[in-house]
Each structure stands twice: as structure tokens, then as C-alpha cells.
Amino acid sequence: MRRMDGRRIGVDQGNTDIFSDFSQGGDMWTGTGARERRRPVTFSEPFRAPPLVQVSLSLWDFAEGANLRADISADDVTETGFDLVFRTWSDTRVARARMSWIAIGEVHSDDDWDLSQPVR
């Protein structure tokens, strides 16, 4: 469990189109086997430390006649952003996908002091 100072909790959220391969004949629509797409996300302001990030599918347009397979995640989470990751495999054909995300973590405060800096 991660504990945070309740006075400093910040929440950022968004909805990001990961890809739209149907109209361009991209590999998520026409390919087979393991495929992956990443989209970088930048937070609206930095967190004090890497936040907790939860992702979900908000749009998934897929072809009929094949199994539906998806592995979604947040990767490389830092204080300033992360990568949204969508993976599929085998014969799954995905025309387009959009992912929603929410980040929760401690944010900077006017009460933060940096004692490593010399006083001027």
C-alpha cells in the first residue's frame, strides 16, 4: 500500500487515441501475431514522485470473426508522464482504440522546502 499526505494529493486524467488503423490499413488492422502501440502522455503538472496510474479502454473498434485480445498498461511512469501501451496478438484485428487514464499522487506545495539549496 502506498500512503500519501492527504493535503498534497493531485489527480490528473485524460482520454487518448492510441491508433486508428482501419482507414490506413495499419498493422493492428491487417497484421497478425504480436503487435504493440505506445503513446506518450504528459501530465498537466509534475507530481512529487511517480504517481499511481490506472488505464482502461474507452473505445475499442474490432473486426468480427476473430478472438478479442488486448493487454493494456501504463509503462515508464515518471513524475512528468508515462506511456500508454496497447498490445494484441494472434488473429485479433483492431481498427482503432482509445484509452482513458487517471493518475493519483502527491503534488508540490508552497510549503515544500529544499534544504540542499544555499540561502541567498
PDB file of N, CA and C in Angstrom:
ATOM      1  N   MET A   1       0.850  -1.179   0.000  1.00  0.00           N
ATOM      2  CA  MET A   1       0.000   0.000   0.000  1.00  0.00           C
ATOM      3  C   MET A   1       0.893   1.239   0.000  1.00  0.00           C
ATOM      4  N   ARG A   2       0.499   2.193  -0.759  1.00  0.00           N
ATOM      5  CA  ARG A   2       1.230   3.462  -0.821  1.00  0.00           C
ATOM      6  C   ARG A   2       0.447   4.507  -0.030  1.00  0.00           C
ATOM      7  N   ARG A   3       1.090   5.147   0.923  1.00  0.00           N
ATOM      8  CA  ARG A   3       0.440   6.178   1.736  1.00  0.00           C
ATOM      9  C   ARG A   3       0.886   7.549   1.251  1.00  0.00           C
ATOM     10  N   MET A   4      -0.079   8.476   1.195  1.00  0.00           N
ATOM     11  CA  MET A   4       0.202   9.832   0.727  1.00  0.00           C
ATOM     12  C   MET A   4      -0.335  10.843   1.720  1.00  0.00           C
ATOM     13  N   ASP A   5       0.294  11.998   1.740  1.00  0.00           N
ATOM     14  CA  ASP A   5      -0.179  13.112   2.548  1.00  0.00           C
ATOM     15  C   ASP A   5      -1.444  13.656   1.890  1.00  0.00           C
ATOM     16  N   GLY A   6      -2.585  13.555   2.575  1.00  0.00           N
ATOM     17  CA  GLY A   6      -3.873  13.940   2.008  1.00  0.00           C
ATOM     18  C   GLY A   6      -3.967  15.391   1.585  1.00  0.00           C
ATOM     19  N   ARG A   7      -3.137  16.249   2.142  1.00  0.00           N
ATOM     20  CA  ARG A   7      -3.178  17.664   1.771  1.00  0.00           C
ATOM     21  C   ARG A   7      -2.476  17.919   0.439  1.00  0.00           C
ATOM     22  N   ARG A   8      -1.762  16.943  -0.045  1.00  0.00           N
ATOM     23  CA  ARG A   8      -0.960  17.132  -1.258  1.00  0.00           C
ATOM     24  C   ARG A   8      -1.370  16.215  -2.402  1.00  0.00           C
ATOM     25  N   ILE A   9      -2.511  15.587  -2.321  1.00  0.00           N
ATOM     26  CA  ILE A   9      -2.911  14.640  -3.363  1.00  0.00           C
ATOM     27  C   ILE A   9      -3.416  15.393  -4.588  1.00  0.00           C
ATOM     28  N   GLY A  10      -2.869  15.030  -5.733  1.00  0.00           N
ATOM     29  CA  GLY A  10      -3.308  15.588  -7.005  1.00  0.00           C
ATOM     30  C   GLY A  10      -3.830  14.482  -7.892  1.00  0.00           C
ATOM     31  N   VAL A  11      -4.805  14.817  -8.730  1.00  0.00           N
ATOM     32  CA  VAL A  11      -5.389  13.857  -9.667  1.00  0.00           C
ATOM     33  C   VAL A  11      -5.359  14.491 -11.055  1.00  0.00           C
ATOM     34  N   ASP A  12      -4.838  13.769 -12.010  1.00  0.00           N
ATOM     35  CA  ASP A  12      -4.847  14.205 -13.407  1.00  0.00           C
ATOM     36  C   ASP A  12      -5.506  13.083 -14.190  1.00  0.00           C
ATOM     37  N   GLN A  13      -6.152  13.412 -15.296  1.00  0.00           N
ATOM     38  CA  GLN A  13      -6.824  12.378 -16.084  1.00  0.00           C
ATOM     39  C   GLN A  13      -6.889  12.787 -17.540  1.00  0.00           C
ATOM     40  N   GLY A  14      -7.152  11.807 -18.393  1.00  0.00           N
ATOM     41  CA  GLY A  14      -7.268  12.104 -19.812  1.00  0.00           C
ATOM     42  C   GLY A  14      -7.834  10.941 -20.594  1.00  0.00           C
ATOM     43  N   ASN A  15      -8.014  11.174 -21.876  1.00  0.00           N
ATOM     44  CA  ASN A  15      -8.556  10.217 -22.825  1.00  0.00           C
ATOM     45  C   ASN A  15      -7.718  10.368 -24.088  1.00  0.00           C
ATOM     46  N   THR A  16      -7.027   9.318 -24.507  1.00  0.00           N
ATOM     47  CA  THR A  16      -6.053   9.422 -25.587  1.00  0.00           C
ATOM     48  C   THR A  16      -6.328   8.398 -26.677  1.00  0.00           C
ATOM     49  N   ASP A  17      -6.414   8.851 -27.928  1.00  0.00           N
ATOM     50  CA  ASP A  17      -6.496   7.926 -29.061  1.00  0.00           C
ATOM     51  C   ASP A  17      -5.138   7.254 -29.224  1.00  0.00           C
ATOM     52  N   ILE A  18      -5.126   5.934 -29.196  1.00  0.00           N
ATOM     53  CA  ILE A  18      -3.877   5.185 -29.327  1.00  0.00           C
ATOM     54  C   ILE A  18      -3.539   4.965 -30.795  1.00  0.00           C
ATOM     55  N   PHE A  19      -4.532   4.566 -31.577  1.00  0.00           N
ATOM     56  CA  PHE A  19      -4.318   4.386 -33.010  1.00  0.00           C
ATOM     57  C   PHE A  19      -5.658   4.308 -33.724  1.00  0.00           C
ATOM     58  N   SER A  20      -5.614   4.522 -35.038  1.00  0.00           N
ATOM     59  CA  SER A  20      -6.752   4.335 -35.925  1.00  0.00           C
ATOM     60  C   SER A  20      -6.190   3.739 -37.210  1.00  0.00           C
ATOM     61  N   ASP A  21      -6.185   2.411 -37.296  1.00  0.00           N
ATOM     62  CA  ASP A  21      -5.513   1.711 -38.392  1.00  0.00           C
ATOM     63  C   ASP A  21      -6.426   1.282 -39.526  1.00  0.00           C
ATOM     64  N   PHE A  22      -7.725   1.347 -39.339  1.00  0.00           N
ATOM     65  CA  PHE A  22      -8.647   0.846 -40.358  1.00  0.00           C
ATOM     66  C   PHE A  22      -8.501   1.619 -41.668  1.00  0.00           C
ATOM     67  N   SER A  23      -8.552   2.942 -41.622  1.00  0.00           N
ATOM     68  CA  SER A  23      -8.537   3.741 -42.853  1.00  0.00           C
ATOM     69  C   SER A  23      -7.182   3.713 -43.571  1.00  0.00           C
ATOM     70  N   GLN A  24      -6.097   3.495 -42.811  1.00  0.00           N
ATOM     71  CA  GLN A  24      -4.763   3.486 -43.426  1.00  0.00           C
ATOM     72  C   GLN A  24      -4.221   2.075 -43.648  1.00  0.00           C
ATOM     73  N   GLY A  25      -4.973   1.057 -43.254  1.00  0.00           N
ATOM     74  CA  GLY A  25      -4.501  -0.316 -43.431  1.00  0.00           C
ATOM     75  C   GLY A  25      -3.315  -0.650 -42.555  1.00  0.00           C
ATOM     76  N   GLY A  26      -3.256  -0.067 -41.348  1.00  0.00           N
ATOM     77  CA  GLY A  26      -2.142  -0.305 -40.432  1.00  0.00           C
ATOM     78  C   GLY A  26      -2.104  -1.728 -39.906  1.00  0.00           C
ATOM     79  N   ASP A  27      -0.999  -2.060 -39.254  1.00  0.00           N
ATOM     80  CA  ASP A  27      -0.771  -3.448 -38.838  1.00  0.00           C
ATOM     81  C   ASP A  27      -1.710  -3.937 -37.738  1.00  0.00           C
ATOM     82  N   MET A  28      -2.302  -3.045 -36.949  1.00  0.00           N
ATOM     83  CA  MET A  28      -3.269  -3.510 -35.953  1.00  0.00           C
ATOM     84  C   MET A  28      -4.527  -4.045 -36.649  1.00  0.00           C
ATOM     85  N   TRP A  29      -4.823  -3.518 -37.833  1.00  0.00           N
ATOM     86  CA  TRP A  29      -5.998  -3.949 -38.600  1.00  0.00           C
ATOM     87  C   TRP A  29      -5.666  -5.080 -39.561  1.00  0.00           C
ATOM     88  N   THR A  30      -4.528  -5.029 -40.204  1.00  0.00           N
ATOM     89  CA  THR A  30      -4.209  -6.007 -41.247  1.00  0.00           C
ATOM     90  C   THR A  30      -3.220  -7.076 -40.808  1.00  0.00           C
ATOM     91  N   GLY A  31      -2.507  -6.847 -39.716  1.00  0.00           N
ATOM     92  CA  GLY A  31      -1.448  -7.765 -39.302  1.00  0.00           C
ATOM     93  C   GLY A  31      -1.935  -8.920 -38.461  1.00  0.00           C
ATOM     94  N   THR A  32      -1.007  -9.816 -38.164  1.00  0.00           N
ATOM     95  CA  THR A  32      -1.241 -10.930 -37.250  1.00  0.00           C
ATOM     96  C   THR A  32      -0.019 -11.039 -36.351  1.00  0.00           C
ATOM     97  N   GLY A  33      -0.160 -11.853 -35.324  1.00  0.00           N
ATOM     98  CA  GLY A  33       0.955 -12.025 -34.397  1.00  0.00           C
ATOM     99  C   GLY A  33       1.002 -10.897 -33.379  1.00  0.00           C
ATOM    100  N   ALA A  34       2.100 -10.839 -32.638  1.00  0.00           N
ATOM    101  CA  ALA A  34       2.259  -9.842 -31.579  1.00  0.00           C
ATOM    102  C   ALA A  34       2.439  -8.442 -32.176  1.00  0.00           C
ATOM    103  N   ARG A  35       1.640  -7.496 -31.664  1.00  0.00           N
ATOM    104  CA  ARG A  35       1.706  -6.104 -32.098  1.00  0.00           C
ATOM    105  C   ARG A  35       1.551  -5.200 -30.885  1.00  0.00           C
ATOM    106  N   GLU A  36       2.192  -4.045 -30.941  1.00  0.00           N
ATOM    107  CA  GLU A  36       2.151  -3.122 -29.817  1.00  0.00           C
ATOM    108  C   GLU A  36       2.134  -1.686 -30.314  1.00  0.00           C
ATOM    109  N   ARG A  37       1.382  -0.840 -29.607  1.00  0.00           N
ATOM    110  CA  ARG A  37       1.392   0.603 -29.852  1.00  0.00           C
ATOM    111  C   ARG A  37       1.587   1.311 -28.524  1.00  0.00           C
ATOM    112  N   ARG A  38       2.365   2.400 -28.551  1.00  0.00           N
ATOM    113  CA  ARG A  38       2.623   3.226 -27.370  1.00  0.00           C
ATOM    114  C   ARG A  38       2.308   4.673 -27.706  1.00  0.00           C
ATOM    115  N   ARG A  39       1.775   5.379 -26.728  1.00  0.00           N
ATOM    116  CA  ARG A  39       1.544   6.814 -26.858  1.00  0.00           C
ATOM    117  C   ARG A  39       2.035   7.484 -25.588  1.00  0.00           C
ATOM    118  N   PRO A  40       2.932   8.455 -25.726  1.00  0.00           N
ATOM    119  CA  PRO A  40       3.388   9.176 -24.536  1.00  0.00           C
ATOM    120  C   PRO A  40       2.301  10.129 -24.030  1.00  0.00           C
ATOM    121  N   VAL A  41       2.211  10.248 -22.719  1.00  0.00           N
ATOM    122  CA  VAL A  41       1.283  11.157 -22.059  1.00  0.00           C
ATOM    123  C   VAL A  41       2.099  12.049 -21.132  1.00  0.00           C
ATOM    124  N   THR A  42       1.839  13.351 -21.181  1.00  0.00           N
ATOM    125  CA  THR A  42       2.487  14.304 -20.285  1.00  0.00           C
ATOM    126  C   THR A  42       1.436  14.835 -19.318  1.00  0.00           C
ATOM    127  N   PHE A  43       1.739  14.788 -18.027  1.00  0.00           N
ATOM    128  CA  PHE A  43       0.805  15.300 -17.029  1.00  0.00           C
ATOM    129  C   PHE A  43       0.684  16.809 -17.147  1.00  0.00           C
ATOM    130  N   SER A  44      -0.442  17.362 -16.685  1.00  0.00           N
ATOM    131  CA  SER A  44      -0.661  18.805 -16.767  1.00  0.00           C
ATOM    132  C   SER A  44       0.299  19.578 -15.872  1.00  0.00           C
ATOM    133  N   GLU A  45       0.803  18.938 -14.824  1.00  0.00           N
ATOM    134  CA  GLU A  45       1.881  19.487 -13.999  1.00  0.00           C
ATOM    135  C   GLU A  45       2.587  18.307 -13.337  1.00  0.00           C
ATOM    136  N   PRO A  46       3.861  18.473 -12.986  1.00  0.00           N
ATOM    137  CA  PRO A  46       4.600  17.341 -12.408  1.00  0.00           C
ATOM    138  C   PRO A  46       4.093  16.950 -11.013  1.00  0.00           C
ATOM    139  N   PHE A  47       4.197  15.671 -10.712  1.00  0.00           N
ATOM    140  CA  PHE A  47       3.954  15.151  -9.376  1.00  0.00           C
ATOM    141  C   PHE A  47       5.271  15.187  -8.599  1.00  0.00           C
ATOM    142  N   ARG A  48       5.219  15.029  -7.288  1.00  0.00           N
ATOM    143  CA  ARG A  48       6.437  15.000  -6.457  1.00  0.00           C
ATOM    144  C   ARG A  48       7.221  13.717  -6.687  1.00  0.00           C
ATOM    145  N   ALA A  49       6.536  12.633  -6.987  1.00  0.00           N
ATOM    146  CA  ALA A  49       7.124  11.316  -7.249  1.00  0.00           C
ATOM    147  C   ALA A  49       6.229  10.653  -8.290  1.00  0.00           C
ATOM    148  N   PRO A  50       6.693   9.591  -8.922  1.00  0.00           N
ATOM    149  CA  PRO A  50       5.827   8.925  -9.894  1.00  0.00           C
ATOM    150  C   PRO A  50       4.481   8.556  -9.263  1.00  0.00           C
ATOM    151  N   PRO A  51       3.372   8.971  -9.879  1.00  0.00           N
ATOM    152  CA  PRO A  51       2.046   8.691  -9.320  1.00  0.00           C
ATOM    153  C   PRO A  51       1.591   7.272  -9.639  1.00  0.00           C
ATOM    154  N   LEU A  52       0.492   6.879  -9.040  1.00  0.00           N
ATOM    155  CA  LEU A  52      -0.187   5.644  -9.404  1.00  0.00           C
ATOM    156  C   LEU A  52      -1.026   5.957 -10.641  1.00  0.00           C
ATOM    157  N   VAL A  53      -0.944   5.124 -11.662  1.00  0.00           N
ATOM    158  CA  VAL A  53      -1.680   5.363 -12.903  1.00  0.00           C
ATOM    159  C   VAL A  53      -2.551   4.151 -13.212  1.00  0.00           C
ATOM    160  N   GLN A  54      -3.821   4.415 -13.471  1.00  0.00           N
ATOM    161  CA  GLN A  54      -4.786   3.378 -13.850  1.00  0.00           C
ATOM    162  C   GLN A  54      -5.248   3.671 -15.280  1.00  0.00           C
ATOM    163  N   VAL A  55      -5.270   2.644 -16.127  1.00  0.00           N
ATOM    164  CA  VAL A  55      -5.716   2.820 -17.512  1.00  0.00           C
ATOM    165  C   VAL A  55      -6.897   1.900 -17.798  1.00  0.00           C
ATOM    166  N   SER A  56      -7.715   2.305 -18.774  1.00  0.00           N
ATOM    167  CA  SER A  56      -8.840   1.483 -19.213  1.00  0.00           C
ATOM    168  C   SER A  56      -9.126   1.792 -20.677  1.00  0.00           C
ATOM    169  N   LEU A  57      -9.792   0.866 -21.336  1.00  0.00           N
ATOM    170  CA  LEU A  57     -10.222   1.107 -22.715  1.00  0.00           C
ATOM    171  C   LEU A  57     -11.492   1.937 -22.705  1.00  0.00           C
ATOM    172  N   SER A  58     -11.515   3.024 -23.453  1.00  0.00           N
ATOM    173  CA  SER A  58     -12.741   3.814 -23.576  1.00  0.00           C
ATOM    174  C   SER A  58     -13.352   3.664 -24.972  1.00  0.00           C
ATOM    175  N   LEU A  59     -12.574   3.126 -25.920  1.00  0.00           N
ATOM    176  CA  LEU A  59     -13.088   2.802 -27.257  1.00  0.00           C
ATOM    177  C   LEU A  59     -12.246   1.668 -27.813  1.00  0.00           C
ATOM    178  N   TRP A  60     -12.917   0.653 -28.328  1.00  0.00           N
ATOM    179  CA  TRP A  60     -12.232  -0.456 -28.973  1.00  0.00           C
ATOM    180  C   TRP A  60     -13.102  -0.894 -30.133  1.00  0.00           C
ATOM    181  N   ASP A  61     -12.634  -0.655 -31.351  1.00  0.00           N
ATOM    182  CA  ASP A  61     -13.358  -0.997 -32.572  1.00  0.00           C
ATOM    183  C   ASP A  61     -12.616  -2.165 -33.212  1.00  0.00           C
ATOM    184  N   PHE A  62     -13.220  -3.337 -33.224  1.00  0.00           N
ATOM    185  CA  PHE A  62     -12.538  -4.540 -33.659  1.00  0.00           C
ATOM    186  C   PHE A  62     -13.323  -5.263 -34.739  1.00  0.00           C
ATOM    187  N   ALA A  63     -12.656  -6.162 -35.446  1.00  0.00           N
ATOM    188  CA  ALA A  63     -13.289  -6.947 -36.511  1.00  0.00           C
ATOM    189  C   ALA A  63     -14.025  -8.135 -35.909  1.00  0.00           C
ATOM    190  N   GLU A  64     -15.114  -8.507 -36.559  1.00  0.00           N
ATOM    191  CA  GLU A  64     -15.826  -9.707 -36.133  1.00  0.00           C
ATOM    192  C   GLU A  64     -15.116 -10.943 -36.690  1.00  0.00           C
ATOM    193  N   GLY A  65     -15.393 -12.078 -36.092  1.00  0.00           N
ATOM    194  CA  GLY A  65     -14.866 -13.329 -36.616  1.00  0.00           C
ATOM    195  C   GLY A  65     -13.520 -13.751 -36.052  1.00  0.00           C
ATOM    196  N   ALA A  66     -12.952 -12.987 -35.151  1.00  0.00           N
ATOM    197  CA  ALA A  66     -11.677 -13.363 -34.528  1.00  0.00           C
ATOM    198  C   ALA A  66     -11.816 -13.171 -33.021  1.00  0.00           C
ATOM    199  N   ASN A  67     -10.950 -13.810 -32.274  1.00  0.00           N
ATOM    200  CA  ASN A  67     -10.953 -13.618 -30.826  1.00  0.00           C
ATOM    201  C   ASN A  67     -10.512 -12.203 -30.483  1.00  0.00           C
ATOM    202  N   LEU A  68     -11.093 -11.675 -29.413  1.00  0.00           N
ATOM    203  CA  LEU A  68     -10.750 -10.329 -28.955  1.00  0.00           C
ATOM    204  C   LEU A  68      -9.667 -10.453 -27.897  1.00  0.00           C
ATOM    205  N   ARG A  69      -8.513  -9.842 -28.175  1.00  0.00           N
ATOM    206  CA  ARG A  69      -7.381  -9.933 -27.257  1.00  0.00           C
ATOM    207  C   ARG A  69      -6.772  -8.553 -27.088  1.00  0.00           C
ATOM    208  N   ALA A  70      -6.553  -8.162 -25.845  1.00  0.00           N
ATOM    209  CA  ALA A  70      -5.884  -6.882 -25.589  1.00  0.00           C
ATOM    210  C   ALA A  70      -5.200  -6.943 -24.237  1.00  0.00           C
ATOM    211  N   ASP A  71      -4.036  -6.352 -24.195  1.00  0.00           N
ATOM    212  CA  ASP A  71      -3.287  -6.174 -22.955  1.00  0.00           C
ATOM    213  C   ASP A  71      -2.966  -4.687 -22.901  1.00  0.00           C
ATOM    214  N   ILE A  72      -3.507  -3.975 -21.919  1.00  0.00           N
ATOM    215  CA  ILE A  72      -3.284  -2.540 -21.818  1.00  0.00           C
ATOM    216  C   ILE A  72      -2.564  -2.229 -20.512  1.00  0.00           C
ATOM    217  N   SER A  73      -1.706  -1.208 -20.549  1.00  0.00           N
ATOM    218  CA  SER A  73      -0.955  -0.868 -19.340  1.00  0.00           C
ATOM    219  C   SER A  73      -0.395   0.541 -19.434  1.00  0.00           C
ATOM    220  N   ALA A  74       0.087   1.012 -18.281  1.00  0.00           N
ATOM    221  CA  ALA A  74       0.868   2.246 -18.193  1.00  0.00           C
ATOM    222  C   ALA A  74       2.307   1.800 -17.956  1.00  0.00           C
ATOM    223  N   ASP A  75       3.231   2.345 -18.726  1.00  0.00           N
ATOM    224  CA  ASP A  75       4.628   1.931 -18.642  1.00  0.00           C
ATOM    225  C   ASP A  75       5.507   3.173 -18.493  1.00  0.00           C
ATOM    226  N   ASP A  76       6.669   2.994 -17.897  1.00  0.00           N
ATOM    227  CA  ASP A  76       7.652   4.073 -17.735  1.00  0.00           C
ATOM    228  C   ASP A  76       7.039   5.300 -17.058  1.00  0.00           C
ATOM    229  N   VAL A  77       6.346   5.092 -15.945  1.00  0.00           N
ATOM    230  CA  VAL A  77       5.709   6.190 -15.222  1.00  0.00           C
ATOM    231  C   VAL A  77       6.776   7.018 -14.497  1.00  0.00           C
ATOM    232  N   THR A  78       6.757   8.332 -14.736  1.00  0.00           N
ATOM    233  CA  THR A  78       7.657   9.264 -14.057  1.00  0.00           C
ATOM    234  C   THR A  78       6.825  10.390 -13.445  1.00  0.00           C
ATOM    235  N   GLU A  79       7.497  11.351 -12.834  1.00  0.00           N
ATOM    236  CA  GLU A  79       6.813  12.497 -12.250  1.00  0.00           C
ATOM    237  C   GLU A  79       6.108  13.348 -13.307  1.00  0.00           C
ATOM    238  N   THR A  80       6.568  13.284 -14.551  1.00  0.00           N
ATOM    239  CA  THR A  80       6.050  14.165 -15.605  1.00  0.00           C
ATOM    240  C   THR A  80       5.162  13.476 -16.633  1.00  0.00           C
ATOM    241  N   GLY A  81       5.119  12.133 -16.644  1.00  0.00           N
ATOM    242  CA  GLY A  81       4.296  11.456 -17.631  1.00  0.00           C
ATOM    243  C   GLY A  81       4.527   9.960 -17.659  1.00  0.00           C
ATOM    244  N   PHE A  82       4.007   9.305 -18.697  1.00  0.00           N
ATOM    245  CA  PHE A  82       4.101   7.854 -18.840  1.00  0.00           C
ATOM    246  C   PHE A  82       3.758   7.478 -20.275  1.00  0.00           C
ATOM    247  N   ASP A  83       3.897   6.208 -20.593  1.00  0.00           N
ATOM    248  CA  ASP A  83       3.498   5.667 -21.896  1.00  0.00           C
ATOM    249  C   ASP A  83       2.244   4.819 -21.731  1.00  0.00           C
ATOM    250  N   LEU A  84       1.217   5.099 -22.544  1.00  0.00           N
ATOM    251  CA  LEU A  84       0.067   4.211 -22.670  1.00  0.00           C
ATOM    252  C   LEU A  84       0.475   3.087 -23.609  1.00  0.00           C
ATOM    253  N   VAL A  85       0.183   1.847 -23.247  1.00  0.00           N
ATOM    254  CA  VAL A  85       0.592   0.705 -24.062  1.00  0.00           C
ATOM    255  C   VAL A  85      -0.626  -0.166 -24.370  1.00  0.00           C
ATOM    256  N   PHE A  86      -0.801  -0.477 -25.654  1.00  0.00           N
ATOM    257  CA  PHE A  86      -1.849  -1.379 -26.125  1.00  0.00           C
ATOM    258  C   PHE A  86      -1.152  -2.511 -26.880  1.00  0.00           C
ATOM    259  N   ARG A  87      -1.426  -3.749 -26.472  1.00  0.00           N
ATOM    260  CA  ARG A  87      -0.852  -4.916 -27.150  1.00  0.00           C
ATOM    261  C   ARG A  87      -1.978  -5.865 -27.550  1.00  0.00           C
ATOM    262  N   THR A  88      -1.783  -6.518 -28.689  1.00  0.00           N
ATOM    263  CA  THR A  88      -2.658  -7.603 -29.100  1.00  0.00           C
ATOM    264  C   THR A  88      -1.807  -8.656 -29.787  1.00  0.00           C
ATOM    265  N   TRP A  89      -2.402  -9.790 -30.152  1.00  0.00           N
ATOM    266  CA  TRP A  89      -1.643 -10.878 -30.742  1.00  0.00           C
ATOM    267  C   TRP A  89      -2.577 -11.793 -31.527  1.00  0.00           C
ATOM    268  N   SER A  90      -1.965 -12.759 -32.189  1.00  0.00           N
ATOM    269  CA  SER A  90      -2.645 -13.774 -32.984  1.00  0.00           C
ATOM    270  C   SER A  90      -3.472 -13.127 -34.100  1.00  0.00           C
ATOM    271  N   ASP A  91      -4.729 -13.545 -34.275  1.00  0.00           N
ATOM    272  CA  ASP A  91      -5.523 -13.058 -35.407  1.00  0.00           C
ATOM    273  C   ASP A  91      -6.455 -11.894 -35.061  1.00  0.00           C
ATOM    274  N   THR A  92      -6.316 -11.313 -33.871  1.00  0.00           N
ATOM    275  CA  THR A  92      -7.164 -10.186 -33.489  1.00  0.00           C
ATOM    276  C   THR A  92      -6.910  -9.011 -34.425  1.00  0.00           C
ATOM    277  N   ARG A  93      -7.990  -8.399 -34.910  1.00  0.00           N
ATOM    278  CA  ARG A  93      -7.901  -7.245 -35.809  1.00  0.00           C
ATOM    279  C   ARG A  93      -8.598  -6.060 -35.160  1.00  0.00           C
ATOM    280  N   VAL A  94      -7.820  -5.017 -34.882  1.00  0.00           N
ATOM    281  CA  VAL A  94      -8.350  -3.843 -34.198  1.00  0.00           C
ATOM    282  C   VAL A  94      -8.276  -2.647 -35.138  1.00  0.00           C
ATOM    283  N   ALA A  95      -9.421  -2.024 -35.397  1.00  0.00           N
ATOM    284  CA  ALA A  95      -9.472  -0.855 -36.279  1.00  0.00           C
ATOM    285  C   ALA A  95      -8.960   0.393 -35.565  1.00  0.00           C
ATOM    286  N   ARG A  96      -9.389   0.582 -34.309  1.00  0.00           N
ATOM    287  CA  ARG A  96      -8.940   1.745 -33.542  1.00  0.00           C
ATOM    288  C   ARG A  96      -9.163   1.499 -32.058  1.00  0.00           C
ATOM    289  N   ALA A  97      -8.402   2.265 -31.266  1.00  0.00           N
ATOM    290  CA  ALA A  97      -8.518   2.142 -29.812  1.00  0.00           C
ATOM    291  C   ALA A  97      -8.255   3.496 -29.163  1.00  0.00           C
ATOM    292  N   ARG A  98      -8.990   3.726 -28.090  1.00  0.00           N
ATOM    293  CA  ARG A  98      -8.796   4.915 -27.251  1.00  0.00           C
ATOM    294  C   ARG A  98      -8.711   4.440 -25.807  1.00  0.00           C
ATOM    295  N   MET A  99      -7.817   5.058 -25.032  1.00  0.00           N
ATOM    296  CA  MET A  99      -7.658   4.676 -23.640  1.00  0.00           C
ATOM    297  C   MET A  99      -7.859   5.876 -22.730  1.00  0.00           C
ATOM    298  N   SER A 100      -8.545   5.642 -21.627  1.00  0.00           N
ATOM    299  CA  SER A 100      -8.696   6.637 -20.572  1.00  0.00           C
ATOM    300  C   SER A 100      -7.660   6.328 -19.501  1.00  0.00           C
ATOM    301  N   TRP A 101      -7.235   7.363 -18.789  1.00  0.00           N
ATOM    302  CA  TRP A 101      -6.259   7.160 -17.725  1.00  0.00           C
ATOM    303  C   TRP A 101      -6.516   8.151 -16.591  1.00  0.00           C
ATOM    304  N   ILE A 102      -6.080   7.751 -15.406  1.00  0.00           N
ATOM    305  CA  ILE A 102      -6.147   8.611 -14.234  1.00  0.00           C
ATOM    306  C   ILE A 102      -4.865   8.402 -13.439  1.00  0.00           C
ATOM    307  N   ALA A 103      -4.258   9.502 -13.021  1.00  0.00           N
ATOM    308  CA  ALA A 103      -3.029   9.469 -12.227  1.00  0.00           C
ATOM    309  C   ALA A 103      -3.318  10.119 -10.878  1.00  0.00           C
ATOM    310  N   ILE A 104      -2.900   9.455  -9.807  1.00  0.00           N
ATOM    311  CA  ILE A 104      -3.118   9.956  -8.454  1.00  0.00           C
ATOM    312  C   ILE A 104      -1.782   9.919  -7.716  1.00  0.00           C
ATOM    313  N   GLY A 105      -1.396  11.058  -7.177  1.00  0.00           N
ATOM    314  CA  GLY A 105      -0.130  11.112  -6.449  1.00  0.00           C
ATOM    315  C   GLY A 105       0.030  12.424  -5.720  1.00  0.00           C
ATOM    316  N   GLU A 106       1.151  12.536  -5.011  1.00  0.00           N
ATOM    317  CA  GLU A 106       1.435  13.770  -4.285  1.00  0.00           C
ATOM    318  C   GLU A 106       1.953  14.827  -5.248  1.00  0.00           C
ATOM    319  N   VAL A 107       1.478  16.057  -5.027  1.00  0.00           N
ATOM    320  CA  VAL A 107       1.918  17.195  -5.840  1.00  0.00           C
ATOM    321  C   VAL A 107       2.738  18.152  -4.978  1.00  0.00           C
ATOM    322  N   HIS A 108       3.440  19.041  -5.644  1.00  0.00           N
ATOM    323  CA  HIS A 108       4.254  20.026  -4.946  1.00  0.00           C
ATOM    324  C   HIS A 108       3.366  21.026  -4.218  1.00  0.00           C
ATOM    325  N   SER A 109       3.924  21.613  -3.162  1.00  0.00           N
ATOM    326  CA  SER A 109       3.194  22.570  -2.340  1.00  0.00           C
ATOM    327  C   SER A 109       4.070  23.789  -2.083  1.00  0.00           C
ATOM    328  N   ASP A 110       3.447  24.921  -1.805  1.00  0.00           N
ATOM    329  CA  ASP A 110       4.197  26.120  -1.432  1.00  0.00           C
ATOM    330  C   ASP A 110       4.973  25.905  -0.140  1.00  0.00           C
ATOM    331  N   ASP A 111       4.570  24.904   0.637  1.00  0.00           N
ATOM    332  CA  ASP A 111       5.254  24.610   1.899  1.00  0.00           C
ATOM    333  C   ASP A 111       6.479  23.726   1.716  1.00  0.00           C
ATOM    334  N   ASP A 112       6.765  23.285   0.493  1.00  0.00           N
ATOM    335  CA  ASP A 112       7.961  22.468   0.249  1.00  0.00           C
ATOM    336  C   ASP A 112       9.204  23.319   0.442  1.00  0.00           C
ATOM    337  N   TRP A 113      10.157  22.773   1.129  1.00  0.00           N
ATOM    338  CA  TRP A 113      11.443  23.445   1.338  1.00  0.00           C
ATOM    339  C   TRP A 113      12.525  22.567   0.754  1.00  0.00           C
ATOM    340  N   ASP A 114      13.472  23.180   0.080  1.00  0.00           N
ATOM    341  CA  ASP A 114      14.618  22.455  -0.445  1.00  0.00           C
ATOM    342  C   ASP A 114      15.832  22.889   0.361  1.00  0.00           C
ATOM    343  N   LEU A 115      16.216  22.104   1.371  1.00  0.00           N
ATOM    344  CA  LEU A 115      17.307  22.476   2.255  1.00  0.00           C
ATOM    345  C   LEU A 115      18.681  22.253   1.629  1.00  0.00           C
ATOM    346  N   SER A 116      18.705  21.598   0.458  1.00  0.00           N
ATOM    347  CA  SER A 116      20.000  21.384  -0.200  1.00  0.00           C
ATOM    348  C   SER A 116      20.473  22.623  -0.947  1.00  0.00           C
ATOM    349  N   GLN A 117      19.584  23.597  -1.124  1.00  0.00           N
ATOM    350  CA  GLN A 117      19.942  24.836  -1.826  1.00  0.00           C
ATOM    351  C   GLN A 117      20.449  25.869  -0.833  1.00  0.00           C
ATOM    352  N   PRO A 118      21.539  26.584  -1.176  1.00  0.00           N
ATOM    353  CA  PRO A 118      22.046  27.619  -0.270  1.00  0.00           C
ATOM    354  C   PRO A 118      21.065  28.795  -0.183  1.00  0.00           C
ATOM    355  N   VAL A 119      21.002  29.392   1.002  1.00  0.00           N
ATOM    356  CA  VAL A 119      20.150  30.563   1.224  1.00  0.00           C
ATOM    357  C   VAL A 119      20.869  31.779   0.665  1.00  0.00           C
ATOM    358  N   ARG A 120      20.163  32.601  -0.042  1.00  0.00           N
ATOM    359  CA  ARG A 120      20.771  33.820  -0.634  1.00  0.00           C
ATOM    360  C   ARG A 120      20.179  35.044  -0.033  1.00  0.00           C
TER     361      ARG A 120
END
